Amino acid sequence: MRSICFIGAGKMASAIAAGLVRQNAGFEIKAYDPSEIAADHFKEVCGGTICKELKEALAADIILLAVKPQHLAGAVQTLPS
């Protein structure tokens, strides 16, 4: 099964992931977010796995950046080149 990981587990990521689950898209769904509150909500909404470390998140087949525009630069800087 292919995996998709959301970098950012807020409302946008939760909504997209929930839609994938409803459509039975066949993805293993994961998320990484430094906010425990956002991560817990993501897991509650779609049942996805929460990655504790960014390295784990980057092992996914598909990586989707799901952060607010003002946080994009900081999120991208944490990613390896």
Protein backbone atom coordinates (compact mmCIF):
# COMPACT_ATOMS: atom_id res chain seq x y z
CA MET A 1 0.00 0.00 0.00
CA ARG A 2 1.32 3.43 -0.89
CA SER A 3 1.70 5.94 1.89
CA ILE A 4 0.93 9.63 1.97
CA CYS A 5 2.26 11.89 4.70
CA PHE A 6 1.06 15.38 5.48
CA ILE A 7 3.63 17.82 6.80
CA GLY A 8 1.25 19.80 8.96
CA ALA A 9 -1.76 18.12 10.55
CA GLY A 10 -4.16 21.03 10.86
CA LYS A 11 -7.63 21.52 9.45
CA MET A 12 -6.59 21.41 5.78
CA ALA A 13 -4.61 18.19 6.17
CA SER A 14 -7.34 16.60 8.29
CA ALA A 15 -10.01 17.44 5.71
CA ILE A 16 -7.98 16.06 2.79
CA ALA A 17 -7.06 12.91 4.72
CA ALA A 18 -10.66 12.36 5.81
CA GLY A 19 -11.72 12.66 2.17
CA LEU A 20 -9.15 10.05 1.14
CA VAL A 21 -10.46 7.72 3.84
CA ARG A 22 -14.10 8.27 2.75
CA GLN A 23 -13.15 7.56 -0.86
CA ASN A 24 -11.30 4.43 0.23
CA ALA A 25 -8.32 5.68 -1.79
CA GLY A 26 -6.03 2.92 -0.55
CA PHE A 27 -3.34 5.03 1.08
CA GLU A 28 -1.64 4.51 4.40
CA ILE A 29 -2.20 7.97 5.87
CA LYS A 30 0.37 9.67 8.09
CA ALA A 31 1.08 13.16 9.37
CA TYR A 32 3.84 15.08 11.06
CA ASP A 33 3.17 18.20 13.09
CA PRO A 34 5.08 19.65 16.03
CA SER A 35 1.73 20.64 17.59
CA GLU A 36 0.37 17.79 19.69
CA ILE A 37 -3.11 19.31 19.53
CA ALA A 38 -3.12 19.33 15.72
CA ALA A 39 -1.65 15.83 15.56
CA ASP A 40 -4.25 14.45 17.98
CA HIS A 41 -7.08 16.07 16.00
CA PHE A 42 -5.72 14.64 12.73
CA LYS A 43 -5.63 11.16 14.22
CA GLU A 44 -9.15 11.53 15.61
CA VAL A 45 -10.59 12.79 12.30
CA CYS A 46 -9.03 10.29 9.89
CA GLY A 47 -7.41 7.57 11.98
CA GLY A 48 -4.01 8.25 10.46
CA THR A 49 -0.65 7.55 12.02
CA ILE A 50 1.27 10.40 13.62
CA CYS A 51 4.99 10.47 12.85
CA LYS A 52 7.06 11.45 15.86
CA GLU A 53 10.04 12.56 13.76
CA LEU A 54 10.33 14.32 10.43
CA LYS A 55 12.66 11.58 9.15
CA GLU A 56 9.84 9.05 9.57
CA ALA A 57 7.43 11.33 7.70
CA LEU A 58 9.81 11.74 4.77
CA ALA A 59 9.85 7.99 4.17
CA ALA A 60 6.32 8.19 2.70
CA ASP A 61 5.70 7.61 -0.99
CA ILE A 62 3.87 10.95 -1.28
CA ILE A 63 4.58 14.01 0.87
CA LEU A 64 2.05 16.82 0.99
CA LEU A 65 2.92 20.16 2.55
CA ALA A 66 -0.19 21.25 4.44
CA VAL A 67 0.94 24.37 6.27
CA LYS A 68 -0.29 27.95 6.28
CA PRO A 69 1.48 30.18 3.75
CA GLN A 70 3.20 32.18 6.48
CA HIS A 71 4.71 28.94 7.85
CA LEU A 72 5.79 27.50 4.51
CA ALA A 73 9.35 28.90 4.55
CA GLY A 74 10.02 27.43 7.99
CA ALA A 75 8.53 24.07 7.04
CA VAL A 76 10.55 23.85 3.83
CA GLN A 77 13.80 24.74 5.64
CA THR A 78 13.39 21.64 7.82
CA LEU A 79 13.28 19.37 4.77
CA PRO A 80 16.49 17.86 3.41
CA SER A 81 17.57 19.02 -0.02
